[in-house]
Amino acid sequence: MRLFVAIQLPEVIKDTLTAMCGGVDDAHWQERGQLHLTLRFIGEVDGAVAHDIDDVLYQISAPAFSLILRRTGFFNKRKLARVLWAGVEDDTALRHLHKKIQHSLTAIGLEPERHRYHPHVTLARLSGLDPMEAEGYAARYGEYASPPFIVDRFCLFSSQLSRGGAIHTLEAEYLLAQED
């Protein structure tokens, strides 16, 4: 199984993000069902490891929190734009949850992430776009801000690659503690 841990987005936010998906030539825009906020990409694992992952994620204790998506941008690789994204506003609670997940997964023997965590929602994958065009997209939606939403759970997804893009399947949900 190819797994990742993520936060599902409210439908109203998916509506807005989907409306922003367009206007860049040769971009491979995410489908509505692919929009999520990744907490940790795990990759390919066998069934026994998937079971261990589920067990440790179930044991994570963290409070629910409010989150706002804000601004757009892009990631470069070899001086070409490769990903268009929507970012996250104050992400202290999100980073705290990410650290707990990272610690739990490394405790069962998974390799730690190699890259610094940069919370975002991927909007499009690019074949290698001139950064000037990506900057135009980022400027067009630079003032984007979602309404605040409550993150009261995180999820484990499996991902199957296909010609039309990845197909994500919800495998498990883990509730966060509600404040009284």
N, C-alpha and C. Protein backbone atom coordinates (compact mmCIF):
# COMPACT_ATOMS: atom_id res chain seq x y z
N MET A 1 0.84 -1.18 0.00
CA MET A 1 0.00 0.00 0.00
C MET A 1 0.89 1.25 0.00
N ARG A 2 0.43 2.25 -0.72
CA ARG A 2 1.10 3.56 -0.74
C ARG A 2 0.26 4.47 0.16
N LEU A 3 0.85 4.93 1.29
CA LEU A 3 0.08 5.64 2.30
C LEU A 3 0.56 7.07 2.53
N PHE A 4 -0.37 7.91 3.01
CA PHE A 4 -0.01 9.23 3.51
C PHE A 4 -1.02 9.65 4.57
N VAL A 5 -0.60 10.57 5.43
CA VAL A 5 -1.44 11.10 6.49
C VAL A 5 -1.80 12.53 6.11
N ALA A 6 -3.09 12.88 6.24
CA ALA A 6 -3.52 14.20 5.78
C ALA A 6 -4.74 14.69 6.55
N ILE A 7 -5.05 15.96 6.32
CA ILE A 7 -6.26 16.58 6.83
C ILE A 7 -7.19 16.77 5.64
N GLN A 8 -8.43 16.30 5.80
CA GLN A 8 -9.43 16.55 4.77
C GLN A 8 -9.89 18.00 4.89
N LEU A 9 -10.24 18.59 3.77
CA LEU A 9 -10.69 19.98 3.74
C LEU A 9 -12.21 20.05 3.68
N PRO A 10 -12.81 21.07 4.30
CA PRO A 10 -14.25 21.25 4.19
C PRO A 10 -14.67 21.48 2.74
N GLU A 11 -15.88 21.07 2.40
CA GLU A 11 -16.37 21.16 1.03
C GLU A 11 -16.35 22.60 0.50
N VAL A 12 -16.71 23.57 1.34
CA VAL A 12 -16.73 24.97 0.90
C VAL A 12 -15.33 25.44 0.49
N ILE A 13 -14.30 24.96 1.16
CA ILE A 13 -12.92 25.32 0.81
C ILE A 13 -12.51 24.60 -0.46
N LYS A 14 -12.92 23.35 -0.62
CA LYS A 14 -12.64 22.64 -1.87
C LYS A 14 -13.29 23.36 -3.05
N ASP A 15 -14.50 23.91 -2.83
CA ASP A 15 -15.18 24.66 -3.90
C ASP A 15 -14.31 25.82 -4.37
N THR A 16 -13.81 26.60 -3.43
CA THR A 16 -12.98 27.76 -3.78
C THR A 16 -11.68 27.34 -4.44
N LEU A 17 -11.02 26.34 -3.88
CA LEU A 17 -9.75 25.89 -4.46
C LEU A 17 -9.94 25.34 -5.87
N THR A 18 -11.01 24.59 -6.07
CA THR A 18 -11.31 24.05 -7.40
C THR A 18 -11.52 25.17 -8.40
N ALA A 19 -12.19 26.24 -7.98
CA ALA A 19 -12.42 27.40 -8.86
C ALA A 19 -11.11 28.10 -9.22
N MET A 20 -10.09 27.96 -8.38
CA MET A 20 -8.79 28.57 -8.63
C MET A 20 -7.92 27.72 -9.55
N CYS A 21 -8.36 26.51 -9.85
CA CYS A 21 -7.56 25.57 -10.66
C CYS A 21 -7.79 25.83 -12.14
N GLY A 22 -6.95 26.64 -12.71
CA GLY A 22 -7.02 26.95 -14.13
C GLY A 22 -6.16 28.15 -14.46
N GLY A 23 -5.96 28.37 -15.74
CA GLY A 23 -5.25 29.55 -16.18
C GLY A 23 -3.75 29.40 -16.34
N VAL A 24 -3.24 28.19 -16.21
CA VAL A 24 -1.81 27.94 -16.41
C VAL A 24 -1.70 26.80 -17.41
N ASP A 25 -1.07 27.08 -18.55
CA ASP A 25 -0.92 26.06 -19.59
C ASP A 25 -0.12 24.87 -19.09
N ASP A 26 -0.53 23.70 -19.53
CA ASP A 26 0.16 22.43 -19.25
C ASP A 26 0.22 22.07 -17.77
N ALA A 27 -0.61 22.68 -16.95
CA ALA A 27 -0.67 22.31 -15.53
C ALA A 27 -1.57 21.07 -15.39
N HIS A 28 -1.21 20.19 -14.51
CA HIS A 28 -2.02 19.01 -14.19
C HIS A 28 -2.74 19.34 -12.88
N TRP A 29 -3.95 19.89 -13.00
CA TRP A 29 -4.70 20.37 -11.85
C TRP A 29 -5.24 19.21 -11.03
N GLN A 30 -5.25 19.37 -9.73
CA GLN A 30 -5.79 18.36 -8.84
C GLN A 30 -7.31 18.30 -8.99
N GLU A 31 -7.84 17.11 -8.94
CA GLU A 31 -9.28 16.92 -8.91
C GLU A 31 -9.78 17.25 -7.50
N ARG A 32 -11.04 17.57 -7.39
CA ARG A 32 -11.63 17.92 -6.09
C ARG A 32 -11.31 16.87 -5.01
N GLY A 33 -11.43 15.60 -5.34
CA GLY A 33 -11.17 14.52 -4.38
C GLY A 33 -9.71 14.36 -4.01
N GLN A 34 -8.83 15.02 -4.71
CA GLN A 34 -7.40 14.94 -4.41
C GLN A 34 -6.93 16.08 -3.50
N LEU A 35 -7.77 17.06 -3.26
CA LEU A 35 -7.37 18.22 -2.45
C LEU A 35 -7.35 17.85 -0.97
N HIS A 36 -6.21 18.02 -0.35
CA HIS A 36 -6.02 17.71 1.07
C HIS A 36 -4.76 18.44 1.55
N LEU A 37 -4.57 18.45 2.85
CA LEU A 37 -3.38 19.04 3.45
C LEU A 37 -2.54 17.89 4.02
N THR A 38 -1.45 17.58 3.37
CA THR A 38 -0.62 16.45 3.78
C THR A 38 0.10 16.76 5.09
N LEU A 39 0.07 15.80 5.99
CA LEU A 39 0.83 15.88 7.23
C LEU A 39 2.11 15.05 7.13
N ARG A 40 2.02 13.91 6.43
CA ARG A 40 3.21 13.06 6.28
C ARG A 40 2.98 12.08 5.16
N PHE A 41 3.85 12.12 4.15
CA PHE A 41 3.83 11.10 3.11
C PHE A 41 4.62 9.91 3.65
N ILE A 42 4.05 8.72 3.56
CA ILE A 42 4.70 7.52 4.07
C ILE A 42 5.31 6.72 2.94
N GLY A 43 4.55 6.47 1.88
CA GLY A 43 5.03 5.68 0.76
C GLY A 43 4.55 4.24 0.84
N GLU A 44 5.23 3.39 0.10
CA GLU A 44 4.84 1.98 0.00
C GLU A 44 5.21 1.21 1.26
N VAL A 45 4.22 0.49 1.80
CA VAL A 45 4.44 -0.37 2.96
C VAL A 45 3.63 -1.66 2.79
N ASP A 46 4.02 -2.69 3.52
CA ASP A 46 3.23 -3.93 3.46
C ASP A 46 2.12 -3.88 4.51
N GLY A 47 1.27 -4.90 4.51
CA GLY A 47 0.10 -4.93 5.39
C GLY A 47 0.45 -4.87 6.87
N ALA A 48 1.51 -5.55 7.29
CA ALA A 48 1.89 -5.56 8.71
C ALA A 48 2.32 -4.16 9.16
N VAL A 49 3.08 -3.48 8.32
CA VAL A 49 3.53 -2.12 8.66
C VAL A 49 2.34 -1.17 8.65
N ALA A 50 1.42 -1.35 7.70
CA ALA A 50 0.21 -0.52 7.66
C ALA A 50 -0.58 -0.67 8.95
N HIS A 51 -0.65 -1.88 9.47
CA HIS A 51 -1.34 -2.12 10.74
C HIS A 51 -0.63 -1.39 11.89
N ASP A 52 0.71 -1.44 11.92
CA ASP A 52 1.48 -0.74 12.95
C ASP A 52 1.28 0.77 12.84
N ILE A 53 1.22 1.28 11.62
CA ILE A 53 0.99 2.72 11.40
C ILE A 53 -0.36 3.11 11.98
N ASP A 54 -1.39 2.34 11.68
CA ASP A 54 -2.72 2.61 12.20
C ASP A 54 -2.70 2.61 13.73
N ASP A 55 -2.02 1.65 14.33
CA ASP A 55 -1.95 1.57 15.79
C ASP A 55 -1.32 2.81 16.40
N VAL A 56 -0.19 3.26 15.87
CA VAL A 56 0.49 4.42 16.49
C VAL A 56 -0.26 5.72 16.22
N LEU A 57 -0.88 5.83 15.05
CA LEU A 57 -1.65 7.05 14.77
C LEU A 57 -2.87 7.14 15.69
N TYR A 58 -3.48 6.00 15.99
CA TYR A 58 -4.63 5.96 16.88
C TYR A 58 -4.27 6.46 18.28
N GLN A 59 -3.01 6.28 18.69
CA GLN A 59 -2.57 6.65 20.04
C GLN A 59 -2.19 8.13 20.17
N ILE A 60 -2.13 8.85 19.08
CA ILE A 60 -1.74 10.26 19.14
C ILE A 60 -2.83 11.08 19.80
N SER A 61 -2.41 11.90 20.76
CA SER A 61 -3.33 12.78 21.47
C SER A 61 -2.92 14.22 21.19
N ALA A 62 -3.83 15.00 20.64
CA ALA A 62 -3.59 16.41 20.36
C ALA A 62 -4.93 17.11 20.34
N PRO A 63 -4.95 18.40 20.65
CA PRO A 63 -6.22 19.13 20.63
C PRO A 63 -6.65 19.50 19.21
N ALA A 64 -7.96 19.63 19.02
CA ALA A 64 -8.49 20.17 17.77
C ALA A 64 -8.04 21.63 17.67
N PHE A 65 -7.99 22.17 16.46
CA PHE A 65 -7.52 23.54 16.29
C PHE A 65 -8.17 24.16 15.06
N SER A 66 -8.07 25.48 14.98
CA SER A 66 -8.60 26.22 13.85
C SER A 66 -7.46 26.48 12.86
N LEU A 67 -7.80 26.48 11.59
CA LEU A 67 -6.79 26.67 10.55
C LEU A 67 -7.37 27.55 9.45
N ILE A 68 -6.51 28.32 8.82
CA ILE A 68 -6.88 29.15 7.67
C ILE A 68 -5.86 28.89 6.57
N LEU A 69 -6.35 28.61 5.36
CA LEU A 69 -5.46 28.56 4.20
C LEU A 69 -5.27 29.99 3.74
N ARG A 70 -4.04 30.34 3.38
CA ARG A 70 -3.77 31.72 2.96
C ARG A 70 -2.65 31.75 1.93
N ARG A 71 -2.86 32.53 0.90
CA ARG A 71 -1.95 32.84 -0.21
C ARG A 71 -1.66 31.61 -1.07
N THR A 72 -1.08 31.87 -2.21
CA THR A 72 -0.65 30.79 -3.11
C THR A 72 0.82 30.99 -3.43
N GLY A 73 1.43 29.95 -3.92
CA GLY A 73 2.84 30.01 -4.28
C GLY A 73 3.21 28.81 -5.11
N PHE A 74 4.50 28.59 -5.25
CA PHE A 74 4.97 27.46 -6.06
C PHE A 74 6.31 26.97 -5.54
N PHE A 75 6.60 25.70 -5.83
CA PHE A 75 7.89 25.10 -5.51
C PHE A 75 8.69 24.99 -6.80
N ASN A 76 9.97 25.28 -6.70
CA ASN A 76 10.90 25.15 -7.82
C ASN A 76 11.74 23.90 -7.67
N LYS A 77 12.16 23.38 -8.78
CA LYS A 77 13.16 22.31 -8.82
C LYS A 77 13.97 22.54 -10.08
N ARG A 78 15.26 22.67 -9.92
CA ARG A 78 16.17 22.94 -11.05
C ARG A 78 15.72 24.18 -11.83
N LYS A 79 15.37 25.23 -11.10
CA LYS A 79 15.00 26.54 -11.65
C LYS A 79 13.71 26.54 -12.46
N LEU A 80 12.92 25.48 -12.34
CA LEU A 80 11.62 25.42 -13.01
C LEU A 80 10.54 25.20 -11.96
N ALA A 81 9.39 25.84 -12.14
CA ALA A 81 8.27 25.65 -11.22
C ALA A 81 7.69 24.25 -11.42
N ARG A 82 7.46 23.53 -10.33
CA ARG A 82 6.96 22.15 -10.40
C ARG A 82 5.61 21.94 -9.72
N VAL A 83 5.27 22.77 -8.73
CA VAL A 83 4.02 22.61 -7.98
C VAL A 83 3.44 23.97 -7.66
N LEU A 84 2.13 24.15 -7.92
CA LEU A 84 1.40 25.33 -7.45
C LEU A 84 0.64 24.91 -6.21
N TRP A 85 0.63 25.78 -5.18
CA TRP A 85 0.01 25.40 -3.92
C TRP A 85 -0.72 26.56 -3.26
N ALA A 86 -1.60 26.20 -2.31
CA ALA A 86 -2.22 27.15 -1.38
C ALA A 86 -1.56 26.90 -0.03
N GLY A 87 -1.16 27.98 0.63
CA GLY A 87 -0.43 27.86 1.90
C GLY A 87 -1.34 27.87 3.11
N VAL A 88 -0.72 27.92 4.26
CA VAL A 88 -1.41 27.86 5.54
C VAL A 88 -0.99 29.07 6.38
N GLU A 89 -1.98 29.71 7.03
CA GLU A 89 -1.68 30.80 7.95
C GLU A 89 -1.10 30.21 9.23
N ASP A 90 -1.08 30.95 10.30
CA ASP A 90 -0.47 30.50 11.56
C ASP A 90 -0.68 29.00 11.75
N ASP A 91 0.41 28.29 11.69
CA ASP A 91 0.34 26.84 11.67
C ASP A 91 1.00 26.20 12.88
N THR A 92 1.03 26.89 14.01
CA THR A 92 1.67 26.36 15.20
C THR A 92 1.05 25.03 15.63
N ALA A 93 -0.26 24.97 15.73
CA ALA A 93 -0.94 23.73 16.14
C ALA A 93 -0.75 22.64 15.09
N LEU A 94 -0.78 23.02 13.82
CA LEU A 94 -0.56 22.06 12.74
C LEU A 94 0.84 21.46 12.83
N ARG A 95 1.83 22.30 13.05
CA ARG A 95 3.22 21.80 13.17
C ARG A 95 3.37 20.90 14.40
N HIS A 96 2.66 21.21 15.46
CA HIS A 96 2.69 20.37 16.66
C HIS A 96 2.14 18.98 16.33
N LEU A 97 1.02 18.93 15.62
CA LEU A 97 0.44 17.65 15.21
C LEU A 97 1.40 16.91 14.27
N HIS A 98 1.98 17.63 13.33
CA HIS A 98 2.94 17.01 12.40
C HIS A 98 4.10 16.37 13.16
N LYS A 99 4.63 17.07 14.16
CA LYS A 99 5.75 16.53 14.95
C LYS A 99 5.36 15.27 15.68
N LYS A 100 4.15 15.24 16.23
CA LYS A 100 3.69 14.04 16.94
C LYS A 100 3.59 12.86 15.96
N ILE A 101 3.06 13.12 14.78
CA ILE A 101 2.94 12.06 13.77
C ILE A 101 4.32 11.59 13.35
N GLN A 102 5.20 12.53 13.08
CA GLN A 102 6.57 12.19 12.66
C GLN A 102 7.26 11.33 13.73
N HIS A 103 7.16 11.75 14.98
CA HIS A 103 7.80 11.01 16.08
C HIS A 103 7.21 9.60 16.19
N SER A 104 5.90 9.48 16.10
CA SER A 104 5.25 8.17 16.22
C SER A 104 5.67 7.23 15.10
N LEU A 105 5.77 7.76 13.89
CA LEU A 105 6.13 6.91 12.75
C LEU A 105 7.60 6.50 12.78
N THR A 106 8.47 7.38 13.21
CA THR A 106 9.89 6.99 13.31
C THR A 106 10.09 6.00 14.46
N ALA A 107 9.24 6.07 15.50
CA ALA A 107 9.34 5.13 16.63
C ALA A 107 9.05 3.69 16.21
N ILE A 108 8.29 3.51 15.12
CA ILE A 108 8.02 2.14 14.64
C ILE A 108 8.95 1.75 13.49
N GLY A 109 9.96 2.59 13.24
CA GLY A 109 10.99 2.21 12.28
C GLY A 109 10.90 2.85 10.90
N LEU A 110 9.93 3.74 10.68
CA LEU A 110 9.87 4.42 9.38
C LEU A 110 10.94 5.52 9.34
N GLU A 111 11.49 5.71 8.17
CA GLU A 111 12.50 6.76 7.99
C GLU A 111 11.87 8.13 8.20
N PRO A 112 12.60 9.04 8.85
CA PRO A 112 12.05 10.41 8.97
C PRO A 112 12.00 11.09 7.60
N GLU A 113 11.16 12.10 7.50
CA GLU A 113 11.09 12.85 6.24
C GLU A 113 12.44 13.50 5.98
N ARG A 114 12.78 13.58 4.71
CA ARG A 114 14.06 14.19 4.33
C ARG A 114 13.94 15.69 4.14
N HIS A 115 12.73 16.16 3.87
CA HIS A 115 12.52 17.57 3.59
C HIS A 115 11.87 18.26 4.78
N ARG A 116 12.16 19.53 4.94
CA ARG A 116 11.53 20.35 5.96
C ARG A 116 10.02 20.42 5.63
N TYR A 117 9.20 20.35 6.65
CA TYR A 117 7.75 20.37 6.45
C TYR A 117 7.31 21.77 6.04
N HIS A 118 6.62 21.84 4.91
CA HIS A 118 6.06 23.10 4.40
C HIS A 118 4.58 22.84 4.14
N PRO A 119 3.72 23.13 5.13
CA PRO A 119 2.30 22.80 4.97
C PRO A 119 1.66 23.54 3.80
N HIS A 120 0.97 22.78 2.96
CA HIS A 120 0.33 23.36 1.78
C HIS A 120 -0.68 22.36 1.21
N VAL A 121 -1.55 22.89 0.36
CA VAL A 121 -2.47 22.07 -0.42
C VAL A 121 -1.99 22.16 -1.86
N THR A 122 -1.62 21.04 -2.45
CA THR A 122 -1.19 21.04 -3.85
C THR A 122 -2.39 21.31 -4.74
N LEU A 123 -2.25 22.33 -5.60
CA LEU A 123 -3.31 22.67 -6.55
C LEU A 123 -3.01 22.10 -7.94
N ALA A 124 -1.73 22.11 -8.32
CA ALA A 124 -1.36 21.60 -9.64
C ALA A 124 0.08 21.10 -9.62
N ARG A 125 0.32 20.11 -10.44
CA ARG A 125 1.69 19.64 -10.70
C ARG A 125 2.05 20.15 -12.09
N LEU A 126 3.30 20.56 -12.21
CA LEU A 126 3.75 21.18 -13.45
C LEU A 126 4.90 20.37 -14.04
N SER A 127 4.97 20.35 -15.36
CA SER A 127 6.03 19.60 -16.02
C SER A 127 7.36 20.34 -16.00
N GLY A 128 7.35 21.54 -15.55
CA GLY A 128 8.54 22.37 -15.53
C GLY A 128 8.21 23.68 -16.20
N LEU A 129 7.66 24.58 -15.45
CA LEU A 129 7.14 25.84 -15.95
C LEU A 129 8.13 26.95 -15.65
N ASP A 130 8.21 27.92 -16.55
CA ASP A 130 9.02 29.10 -16.29
C ASP A 130 8.50 29.75 -15.02
N PRO A 131 9.38 30.03 -14.05
CA PRO A 131 8.93 30.63 -12.79
C PRO A 131 8.14 31.93 -12.96
N MET A 132 8.35 32.66 -14.05
CA MET A 132 7.60 33.90 -14.27
C MET A 132 6.10 33.61 -14.42
N GLU A 133 5.76 32.53 -15.11
CA GLU A 133 4.35 32.18 -15.27
C GLU A 133 3.76 31.73 -13.94
N ALA A 134 4.54 30.97 -13.17
CA ALA A 134 4.08 30.54 -11.85
C ALA A 134 3.91 31.76 -10.93
N GLU A 135 4.80 32.72 -11.04
CA GLU A 135 4.68 33.95 -10.24
C GLU A 135 3.40 34.70 -10.61
N GLY A 136 3.03 34.69 -11.88
CA GLY A 136 1.78 35.33 -12.31
C GLY A 136 0.59 34.68 -11.66
N TYR A 137 0.57 33.34 -11.60
CA TYR A 137 -0.52 32.64 -10.93
C TYR A 137 -0.54 32.99 -9.45
N ALA A 138 0.63 32.94 -8.81
CA ALA A 138 0.70 33.24 -7.38
C ALA A 138 0.25 34.67 -7.08
N ALA A 139 0.57 35.60 -7.96
CA ALA A 139 0.15 36.99 -7.76
C ALA A 139 -1.37 37.13 -7.94
N ARG A 140 -1.91 36.40 -8.90
CA ARG A 140 -3.36 36.47 -9.18
C ARG A 140 -4.17 36.03 -7.96
N TYR A 141 -3.67 35.05 -7.22
CA TYR A 141 -4.38 34.53 -6.05
C TYR A 141 -3.62 34.81 -4.75
N GLY A 142 -2.74 35.79 -4.78
CA GLY A 142 -1.92 36.11 -3.61
C GLY A 142 -2.70 36.56 -2.40
N GLU A 143 -3.90 37.09 -2.60
CA GLU A 143 -4.72 37.56 -1.49
C GLU A 143 -5.70 36.49 -1.00
N TYR A 144 -5.60 35.29 -1.56
CA TYR A 144 -6.52 34.22 -1.16
C TYR A 144 -6.44 33.95 0.34
N ALA A 145 -7.59 33.81 0.98
CA ALA A 145 -7.67 33.38 2.37
C ALA A 145 -8.98 32.61 2.53
N SER A 146 -8.89 31.43 3.07
CA SER A 146 -10.09 30.63 3.33
C SER A 146 -10.75 31.13 4.61
N PRO A 147 -12.01 30.81 4.79
CA PRO A 147 -12.60 31.05 6.12
C PRO A 147 -11.91 30.10 7.11
N PRO A 148 -11.88 30.46 8.38
CA PRO A 148 -11.30 29.53 9.37
C PRO A 148 -12.13 28.25 9.41
N PHE A 149 -11.45 27.14 9.60
CA PHE A 149 -12.16 25.87 9.76
C PHE A 149 -11.51 25.08 10.89
N ILE A 150 -12.31 24.25 11.52
CA ILE A 150 -11.83 23.45 12.65
C ILE A 150 -11.26 22.13 12.13
N VAL A 151 -10.05 21.84 12.57
CA VAL A 151 -9.43 20.55 12.29
C VAL A 151 -9.67 19.70 13.54
N ASP A 152 -10.58 18.75 13.42
CA ASP A 152 -10.93 17.92 14.57
C ASP A 152 -10.54 16.46 14.37
N ARG A 153 -9.83 16.20 13.26
CA ARG A 153 -9.39 14.84 12.96
C ARG A 153 -8.29 14.90 11.90
N PHE A 154 -7.54 13.84 11.82
CA PHE A 154 -6.61 13.66 10.69
C PHE A 154 -6.83 12.25 10.18
N CYS A 155 -6.35 11.97 8.99
CA CYS A 155 -6.73 10.73 8.30
C CYS A 155 -5.52 10.01 7.71
N LEU A 156 -5.67 8.72 7.57
CA LEU A 156 -4.72 7.88 6.84
C LEU A 156 -5.36 7.53 5.51
N PHE A 157 -4.66 7.82 4.42
CA PHE A 157 -5.15 7.54 3.08
C PHE A 157 -4.21 6.57 2.38
N SER A 158 -4.78 5.75 1.51
CA SER A 158 -3.96 5.01 0.55
C SER A 158 -4.08 5.76 -0.76
N SER A 159 -3.09 5.59 -1.60
CA SER A 159 -3.05 6.30 -2.87
C SER A 159 -2.63 5.33 -3.96
N GLN A 160 -3.46 5.26 -4.98
CA GLN A 160 -3.16 4.40 -6.12
C GLN A 160 -2.91 5.28 -7.32
N LEU A 161 -1.74 5.13 -7.93
CA LEU A 161 -1.41 5.95 -9.08
C LEU A 161 -2.11 5.42 -10.32
N SER A 162 -2.64 6.35 -11.13
CA SER A 162 -3.29 5.98 -12.38
C SER A 162 -2.97 7.04 -13.43
N ARG A 163 -3.33 6.78 -14.66
CA ARG A 163 -3.07 7.76 -15.73
C ARG A 163 -3.76 9.09 -15.48
N GLY A 164 -4.93 9.06 -14.87
CA GLY A 164 -5.68 10.28 -14.59
C GLY A 164 -5.26 10.97 -13.31
N GLY A 165 -4.23 10.49 -12.65
CA GLY A 165 -3.79 11.05 -11.37
C GLY A 165 -4.01 10.04 -10.26
N ALA A 166 -3.59 10.40 -9.08
CA ALA A 166 -3.70 9.50 -7.93
C ALA A 166 -5.17 9.38 -7.48
N ILE A 167 -5.52 8.16 -7.09
CA ILE A 167 -6.84 7.91 -6.52
C ILE A 167 -6.63 7.68 -5.03
N HIS A 168 -7.22 8.55 -4.20
CA HIS A 168 -7.04 8.48 -2.76
C HIS A 168 -8.23 7.80 -2.11
N THR A 169 -7.92 6.88 -1.21
CA THR A 169 -8.95 6.15 -0.47
C THR A 169 -8.73 6.36 1.02
N LEU A 170 -9.78 6.79 1.72
CA LEU A 170 -9.71 6.98 3.16
C LEU A 170 -9.61 5.60 3.82
N GLU A 171 -8.56 5.40 4.60
CA GLU A 171 -8.36 4.12 5.29
C GLU A 171 -8.75 4.20 6.76
N ALA A 172 -8.49 5.36 7.42
CA ALA A 172 -8.82 5.51 8.84
C ALA A 172 -8.86 6.99 9.20
N GLU A 173 -9.65 7.31 10.23
CA GLU A 173 -9.73 8.66 10.77
C GLU A 173 -9.33 8.62 12.24
N TYR A 174 -8.65 9.68 12.70
CA TYR A 174 -8.20 9.77 14.08
C TYR A 174 -8.69 11.10 14.64
N LEU A 175 -9.53 11.04 15.66
CA LEU A 175 -10.13 12.23 16.23
C LEU A 175 -9.15 12.98 17.12
N LEU A 176 -9.23 14.30 17.08
CA LEU A 176 -8.46 15.15 17.98
C LEU A 176 -9.34 15.54 19.14
N ALA A 177 -8.74 15.87 20.27
CA ALA A 177 -9.49 16.20 21.48
C ALA A 177 -10.24 17.51 21.31
N GLN A 178 -11.49 17.51 21.73
CA GLN A 178 -12.33 18.71 21.69
C GLN A 178 -12.14 19.48 22.99
N GLU A 179 -12.08 20.82 22.86
CA GLU A 179 -11.98 21.65 24.05
C GLU A 179 -13.34 21.74 24.71
N ASP A 180 -13.35 21.85 26.01
CA ASP A 180 -14.63 21.97 26.76
C ASP A 180 -15.11 23.40 26.78
